[in-house]
């Protein structure tokens, strides 16, 4: 199979650096170029990678490299529609960061423009490629624990706002400035916008869709950011499965401009834990369990080095296969739309204090 000629845009997203090694090492890829959104991320990139052409604008990169077949949109959420339109009109396939947009009208335009131009648009939700998730899915499908009655999941991390400032700007994260609720000084765009994974997971594991959601936001543990950092969601799926989801920034962090060892205050910077209760048994899973703990800089604090399987490998492999064999991605725009609808319903529930029925 001919290697896929791939590029990256913006380089402002928190997942950007996780692609570097995969794009260099994967023989299915030919990393052609990048375009950077500003001088700060350009310097970080050039300090990390050599030999890959770096451009100050997307158009400059695309005009210089007409051979580009696919692009990773490593940008803030507010940039996705503009960049998708730019790529789709050139017939360039798209791997978009995990929130395409919260504007459902804009979302429908994304579906329309990618389908009209016959380009693959895959949403980057790497949790689907985690081996623990794959085993959970197999166990549920085999009937090992019987019909699922409840689904509990946490997706708790530290806050990326200090290293990736756009995530603290409601207009760039949520897409516009919407108060969290009446009388609250905070706005939509915080932890919920960073953690769509478990909303995808309850759909992926149960094979069902949301029926009712109810949510509340806690007082912030970071008083100086203007978005929510802790919230809790409960509800029911259409198949009767009840769920509770915690997509919070409830791990504290050092406010480093470039994440690294010692960024976390507690040993683990991220925890995704899932408990499935079925009619015949229970499964409890730590999706990012295998780790090496050590004393590391900058604080010589007890910290963590993750040693789990790199989900980006499986995700990129599927992306290439989708393009070369004209397949529909597992996480495509049409499927993922219902996840975004549910996340908007979470914000609506926080705002109104009521449960939202689908």
Protein backbone atom coordinates (compact mmCIF):
# COMPACT_ATOMS: atom_id res chain seq x y z
CA UNK A 1 0.00 0.00 0.00
CA UNK A 2 1.33 3.43 -0.96
CA UNK A 3 2.07 5.59 2.11
CA UNK A 4 -0.53 8.26 2.79
CA UNK A 5 0.84 11.77 2.35
CA UNK A 6 -0.33 13.55 5.48
CA UNK A 7 0.04 17.02 7.03
CA UNK A 8 -0.99 18.78 10.25
CA UNK A 9 -2.66 22.16 10.76
CA UNK A 10 -2.42 24.70 13.60
CA UNK A 11 -0.59 22.54 16.21
CA UNK A 12 -2.47 24.22 19.06
CA UNK A 13 -4.41 21.20 20.35
CA UNK A 14 -3.31 19.26 23.43
CA UNK A 15 -3.07 16.03 21.45
CA UNK A 16 -0.69 17.49 18.85
CA UNK A 17 2.54 16.08 20.27
CA UNK A 18 1.04 12.61 20.63
CA UNK A 19 1.07 12.33 16.84
CA UNK A 20 4.73 13.11 16.32
CA UNK A 21 6.22 9.64 16.78
CA UNK A 22 3.32 7.90 15.03
CA UNK A 23 3.57 10.16 11.98
CA UNK A 24 7.34 9.62 11.80
CA UNK A 25 7.46 5.87 12.48
CA UNK A 26 4.31 4.52 10.82
CA UNK A 27 5.31 3.11 7.40
CA UNK A 28 1.75 3.72 6.19
CA UNK A 29 2.34 7.49 6.45
CA UNK A 30 4.50 10.03 4.66
CA UNK A 31 4.53 13.14 6.86
CA UNK A 32 4.76 15.98 4.34
CA UNK A 33 4.43 19.26 6.26
CA UNK A 34 2.80 21.28 9.05
CA UNK A 35 1.28 24.73 9.33
CA UNK A 36 1.39 26.50 12.68
CA UNK A 37 -1.11 28.97 14.11
CA UNK A 38 1.42 31.24 15.85
CA UNK A 39 5.10 31.71 16.57
CA UNK A 40 4.90 30.07 20.00
CA UNK A 41 3.63 26.71 18.73
CA UNK A 42 5.97 27.00 15.75
CA UNK A 43 8.97 27.23 18.09
CA UNK A 44 7.74 24.28 20.16
CA UNK A 45 7.36 22.21 17.00
CA UNK A 46 10.76 23.16 15.57
CA UNK A 47 12.39 22.37 18.93
CA UNK A 48 10.76 18.92 18.86
CA UNK A 49 10.96 17.81 15.21
CA UNK A 50 13.48 18.35 12.43
CA UNK A 51 13.17 17.68 8.73
CA UNK A 52 9.44 18.40 8.37
CA UNK A 53 8.67 21.64 6.47
CA UNK A 54 6.85 24.16 8.67
CA UNK A 55 4.65 26.94 7.26
CA UNK A 56 3.08 30.01 8.82
CA UNK A 57 -0.23 29.60 7.00
CA UNK A 58 -2.46 26.75 5.86
CA UNK A 59 -2.80 28.08 2.33
CA UNK A 60 0.97 28.46 1.99
CA UNK A 61 1.41 24.81 3.03
CA UNK A 62 -1.33 23.47 0.76
CA UNK A 63 -0.14 25.49 -2.23
CA UNK A 64 3.45 24.33 -1.69
CA UNK A 65 2.39 20.67 -1.34
CA UNK A 66 -0.45 19.74 -3.72
CA UNK A 67 0.46 16.11 -3.07
CA UNK A 68 -1.09 16.25 0.45
CA UNK A 69 -3.85 13.62 0.68
CA UNK A 70 -4.93 13.98 4.30
CA UNK A 71 -4.68 16.47 7.16
CA UNK A 72 -4.86 16.23 10.94
CA UNK A 73 -6.77 19.26 12.21
CA UNK A 74 -4.80 19.85 15.41
CA UNK A 75 -6.59 23.10 16.16
CA UNK A 76 -8.98 24.79 18.55
CA UNK A 77 -12.64 23.77 18.19
CA UNK A 78 -13.68 27.12 16.71
CA UNK A 79 -11.37 26.59 13.71
CA UNK A 80 -12.68 23.19 12.65
CA UNK A 81 -15.44 24.18 10.24
CA UNK A 82 -13.27 26.66 8.36
CA UNK A 83 -10.46 24.14 8.06
CA UNK A 84 -12.80 21.29 7.10
CA UNK A 85 -14.26 23.41 4.32
CA UNK A 86 -10.78 24.33 3.10
CA UNK A 87 -9.69 20.68 3.01
CA UNK A 88 -12.92 19.17 1.67
CA UNK A 89 -13.06 21.58 -1.27
CA UNK A 90 -9.55 20.39 -2.22
CA UNK A 91 -10.48 16.71 -1.83
CA UNK A 92 -8.21 16.32 1.21
CA UNK A 93 -9.26 13.72 3.81
CA UNK A 94 -9.68 14.88 7.42
CA UNK A 95 -8.81 13.60 10.88
CA UNK A 96 -10.46 16.14 13.18
CA UNK A 97 -9.80 16.71 16.85
CA UNK A 98 -12.38 15.26 19.22
CA UNK A 99 -14.99 18.07 19.16
CA UNK A 100 -15.87 18.98 15.55
CA UNK A 101 -18.20 21.78 16.76
CA UNK A 102 -20.96 22.36 19.32
CA UNK A 103 -22.99 24.40 16.82
CA UNK A 104 -25.40 21.82 15.39
CA UNK A 105 -26.15 23.91 12.30
CA UNK A 106 -22.42 24.14 11.64
CA UNK A 107 -22.13 20.41 12.32
CA UNK A 108 -24.68 19.66 9.61
CA UNK A 109 -22.71 21.83 7.18
CA UNK A 110 -19.61 19.75 8.01
CA UNK A 111 -21.50 16.56 7.15
CA UNK A 112 -22.78 18.09 3.92
CA UNK A 113 -19.47 19.44 2.67
CA UNK A 114 -17.45 16.30 3.45
CA UNK A 115 -20.02 13.98 1.89
CA UNK A 116 -20.45 16.15 -1.22
CA UNK A 117 -16.71 16.11 -1.79
CA UNK A 118 -16.41 12.39 -1.00
CA UNK A 119 -13.70 12.84 1.62
CA UNK A 120 -13.18 10.71 4.71
CA UNK A 121 -13.80 12.70 7.89
CA UNK A 122 -12.81 10.74 10.99
CA UNK A 123 -13.19 12.14 14.50
CA UNK A 124 -10.18 11.70 16.77
CA UNK A 125 -11.56 9.81 19.76
CA UNK A 126 -8.67 7.52 20.56
CA UNK A 127 -10.41 5.78 23.46
CA UNK A 128 -12.16 3.55 20.92
CA UNK A 129 -8.75 2.01 20.15
CA UNK A 130 -7.77 1.34 23.76
CA UNK A 131 -7.30 -2.44 24.30
CA UNK A 132 -9.26 -2.29 27.57
CA UNK A 133 -12.22 -0.80 25.71
CA UNK A 134 -11.90 -3.46 23.00
CA UNK A 135 -12.05 -6.19 25.65
CA UNK A 136 -15.03 -4.55 27.38
CA UNK A 137 -16.87 -4.45 24.08
CA UNK A 138 -16.10 -8.16 23.44
CA UNK A 139 -17.23 -9.20 26.92
CA UNK A 140 -20.49 -7.29 26.60
CA UNK A 141 -21.14 -8.60 23.09
CA UNK A 142 -20.52 -12.19 24.21
CA UNK A 143 -23.07 -11.87 27.00
CA UNK A 144 -20.45 -12.60 29.68
CA UNK A 145 -22.15 -10.38 32.28
CA UNK A 146 -25.63 -10.46 30.77
CA UNK A 147 -27.68 -7.45 29.79
CA UNK A 148 -26.07 -4.18 30.92
CA UNK A 149 -28.07 -2.46 33.66
CA UNK A 150 -25.75 0.40 34.57
CA UNK A 151 -22.68 2.17 33.20
CA UNK A 152 -20.45 4.30 35.41
CA UNK A 153 -17.45 6.16 33.99
CA UNK A 154 -14.93 8.79 34.99
CA UNK A 155 -12.82 10.82 32.60
CA UNK A 156 -10.96 13.02 35.05
CA UNK A 157 -7.76 14.92 34.27
CA UNK A 158 -5.84 18.02 35.13
CA UNK A 159 -6.67 21.18 33.17
CA UNK A 160 -4.89 21.85 29.87
CA UNK A 161 -5.70 25.57 29.93
CA UNK A 162 -2.23 26.72 30.98
CA UNK A 163 -0.41 24.90 28.17
CA UNK A 164 -3.20 25.32 25.60
CA UNK A 165 -4.78 28.70 26.43
CA UNK A 166 -7.58 28.49 23.84
CA UNK A 167 -9.27 25.84 25.99
CA UNK A 168 -9.90 28.55 28.56
CA UNK A 169 -11.59 30.85 26.02
CA UNK A 170 -15.31 30.03 25.63
CA UNK A 171 -15.45 31.43 22.08
CA UNK A 172 -12.69 29.04 20.98
CA UNK A 173 -13.63 26.00 23.03
CA UNK A 174 -17.44 26.02 22.96
CA UNK A 175 -17.67 28.30 19.92
CA UNK A 176 -19.45 31.22 21.58
CA UNK A 177 -19.88 32.87 24.95
CA UNK A 178 -22.83 31.20 26.70
CA UNK A 179 -23.31 31.60 30.48
CA UNK A 180 -23.30 28.30 32.34
CA UNK A 181 -26.54 29.29 34.07
CA UNK A 182 -28.32 32.39 35.31
CA UNK A 183 -26.39 34.12 38.07
CA UNK A 184 -23.21 32.08 37.37
CA UNK A 185 -20.11 33.98 36.23
CA UNK A 186 -18.78 30.97 34.31
CA UNK A 187 -19.33 30.03 30.68
CA UNK A 188 -19.67 26.82 28.67
CA UNK A 189 -16.43 25.45 27.26
CA UNK A 190 -14.46 23.84 30.08
CA UNK A 191 -14.03 20.25 31.24
CA UNK A 192 -17.07 18.93 29.38
CA UNK A 193 -15.64 20.21 26.08
CA UNK A 194 -12.39 18.37 26.78
CA UNK A 195 -13.95 15.02 27.71
CA UNK A 196 -16.39 13.67 25.10
CA UNK A 197 -14.85 10.20 25.33
CA UNK A 198 -17.11 8.67 27.97
CA UNK A 199 -20.21 10.07 26.25
CA UNK A 200 -19.06 8.15 23.19
CA UNK A 201 -18.21 5.09 25.28
CA UNK A 202 -21.66 4.56 26.80
CA UNK A 203 -23.09 4.56 23.27
CA UNK A 204 -20.29 2.37 21.90
CA UNK A 205 -20.50 -0.25 24.67
CA UNK A 206 -24.30 -0.44 24.97
CA UNK A 207 -25.12 0.07 21.30
CA UNK A 208 -27.90 2.40 22.44
CA UNK A 209 -28.52 6.16 22.44
CA UNK A 210 -29.33 8.75 25.09
CA UNK A 211 -32.88 9.00 26.39
CA UNK A 212 -32.61 11.35 29.40
CA UNK A 213 -29.72 13.38 30.87
CA UNK A 214 -29.45 15.45 34.02
CA UNK A 215 -26.33 17.36 35.07
CA UNK A 216 -24.96 19.72 37.69
CA UNK A 217 -21.74 21.75 37.82
CA UNK A 218 -19.78 22.03 41.04
CA UNK A 219 -18.00 25.19 42.22
CA UNK A 220 -14.66 25.49 40.46
CA UNK A 221 -11.48 24.35 42.17
CA UNK A 222 -9.67 26.82 39.86
CA UNK A 223 -11.32 30.18 40.63
CA UNK A 224 -9.36 32.03 37.95
CA UNK A 225 -10.75 30.23 34.89
CA UNK A 226 -14.09 31.34 33.47
CA UNK A 227 -15.38 27.92 32.42
CA UNK A 228 -16.60 24.90 34.38
CA UNK A 229 -13.95 22.51 35.70
CA UNK A 230 -16.10 19.97 37.59
CA UNK A 231 -19.50 18.50 36.74
CA UNK A 232 -21.49 15.31 37.09
CA UNK A 233 -23.96 13.74 34.66
CA UNK A 234 -26.58 11.05 35.21
CA UNK A 235 -29.24 9.65 32.93
CA UNK A 236 -30.71 6.72 31.05
CA UNK A 237 -30.15 5.18 27.63
CA UNK A 238 -33.01 4.15 25.36
CA UNK A 239 -32.29 0.47 26.14
CA UNK A 240 -32.87 1.15 29.86
CA UNK A 241 -29.20 1.32 30.90
CA UNK A 242 -28.73 3.96 33.60
CA UNK A 243 -25.44 5.84 33.66
CA UNK A 244 -23.35 8.25 35.68
CA UNK A 245 -20.50 10.15 34.05
CA UNK A 246 -17.81 12.36 35.58
CA UNK A 247 -15.97 14.37 32.87
CA UNK A 248 -14.14 16.77 35.22
CA UNK A 249 -10.85 18.59 35.46
CA UNK A 250 -10.59 17.35 39.06
CA UNK A 251 -6.86 16.55 39.07
CA UNK A 252 -4.69 19.51 40.03
CA UNK A 253 -1.67 20.57 37.98
CA UNK A 254 1.42 22.70 37.89
CA UNK A 255 0.77 25.55 35.46
CA UNK A 256 3.41 24.61 32.93
CA UNK A 257 3.48 26.05 29.42
CA UNK A 258 4.79 22.76 28.04
CA UNK A 259 3.40 19.61 29.70
CA UNK A 260 5.88 17.09 31.01
CA UNK A 261 6.82 15.01 34.05
CA UNK A 262 5.81 16.90 37.17
CA UNK A 263 2.86 18.58 35.45
CA UNK A 264 0.53 16.58 37.69
CA UNK A 265 0.24 17.31 41.41
CA UNK A 266 -1.14 13.84 42.12
CA UNK A 267 0.62 10.76 40.66
CA UNK A 268 -1.87 10.25 37.82
CA UNK A 269 -2.77 13.12 35.51
CA UNK A 270 -5.63 11.19 33.94
CA UNK A 271 -8.04 8.48 34.99
CA UNK A 272 -10.62 6.79 32.80
CA UNK A 273 -12.39 4.15 34.88
CA UNK A 274 -15.48 2.24 33.78
CA UNK A 275 -17.78 -0.01 35.80
CA UNK A 276 -20.39 -2.10 33.99
CA UNK A 277 -23.10 -3.83 36.01
CA UNK A 278 -24.98 -6.57 34.19
CA UNK A 279 -27.63 -9.11 35.09
CA UNK A 280 -24.97 -11.82 35.53
CA UNK A 281 -21.94 -9.91 36.79
CA UNK A 282 -19.83 -6.77 37.00
CA UNK A 283 -16.73 -5.54 35.16
CA UNK A 284 -14.46 -2.84 36.59
CA UNK A 285 -11.81 -1.42 34.27
CA UNK A 286 -8.97 1.09 34.55
CA UNK A 287 -8.38 2.06 30.92
CA UNK A 288 -4.99 3.65 31.61
CA UNK A 289 -3.80 1.36 34.39
CA UNK A 290 -0.28 0.18 33.47
CA UNK A 291 2.12 2.87 34.64
CA UNK A 292 5.61 3.36 36.00
CA UNK A 293 5.82 5.67 39.00
CA UNK A 294 8.99 7.63 39.73
CA UNK A 295 10.39 10.86 41.12
CA UNK A 296 10.60 13.36 38.30
CA UNK A 297 11.32 16.96 37.45
CA UNK A 298 10.52 19.78 37.88
CA UNK A 299 9.44 19.17 41.50
CA UNK A 300 11.09 15.77 42.12
CA UNK A 301 7.63 14.67 43.04
CA UNK A 302 6.22 11.15 42.91
CA UNK A 303 4.82 11.11 39.40
CA UNK A 304 3.84 8.81 36.55
CA UNK A 305 5.11 7.58 33.21
CA UNK A 306 2.30 6.04 31.20
CA UNK A 307 3.11 2.67 29.65
CA UNK A 308 -0.25 1.77 28.13
CA UNK A 309 -0.79 0.88 24.47
CA UNK A 310 -0.63 3.89 22.16
CA UNK A 311 -4.18 4.22 20.85
CA UNK A 312 -2.99 6.58 18.14
CA UNK A 313 -1.46 3.62 16.30
CA UNK A 314 -4.80 1.84 15.90
CA UNK A 315 -6.61 5.07 15.12
CA UNK A 316 -4.17 6.07 12.38
CA UNK A 317 -4.19 2.55 10.93
CA UNK A 318 -7.97 2.74 10.61
CA UNK A 319 -7.76 6.24 9.10
CA UNK A 320 -5.42 5.03 6.36
CA UNK A 321 -7.58 1.96 5.71
CA UNK A 322 -10.70 4.13 5.45
CA UNK A 323 -9.06 6.34 2.84
CA UNK A 324 -7.39 3.64 0.77
CA UNK A 325 -10.44 1.35 0.78
CA UNK A 326 -13.21 3.99 0.75
CA UNK A 327 -14.63 2.94 4.12
CA UNK A 328 -16.74 4.87 6.62
CA UNK A 329 -14.85 5.59 9.88
CA UNK A 330 -15.98 4.02 13.13
CA UNK A 331 -16.28 7.54 14.58
CA UNK A 332 -17.75 9.45 11.66
CA UNK A 333 -19.56 12.77 11.71
CA UNK A 334 -23.06 11.30 11.42
CA UNK A 335 -22.53 8.78 14.25
CA UNK A 336 -20.75 11.25 16.53
CA UNK A 337 -23.42 13.94 16.08
CA UNK A 338 -25.62 12.29 18.72
CA UNK A 339 -22.78 12.46 21.24
CA UNK A 340 -22.48 16.20 20.68
CA UNK A 341 -26.26 16.57 21.01
CA UNK A 342 -26.04 14.86 24.39
CA UNK A 343 -23.21 17.13 25.52
CA UNK A 344 -25.23 20.19 24.55
CA UNK A 345 -28.12 18.69 26.53
CA UNK A 346 -25.78 18.44 29.54
CA UNK A 347 -25.15 22.18 29.31
CA UNK A 348 -28.88 22.79 28.90
CA UNK A 349 -29.58 20.73 32.02
CA UNK A 350 -27.00 22.68 34.02
CA UNK A 351 -28.57 25.93 32.79
CA UNK A 352 -32.20 25.01 33.51
CA UNK A 353 -31.79 22.67 36.48
CA UNK A 354 -34.01 20.15 34.68
CA UNK A 355 -33.50 16.78 33.04
CA UNK A 356 -33.45 16.81 29.25
CA UNK A 357 -35.44 14.23 27.29
CA UNK A 358 -34.39 13.23 23.77
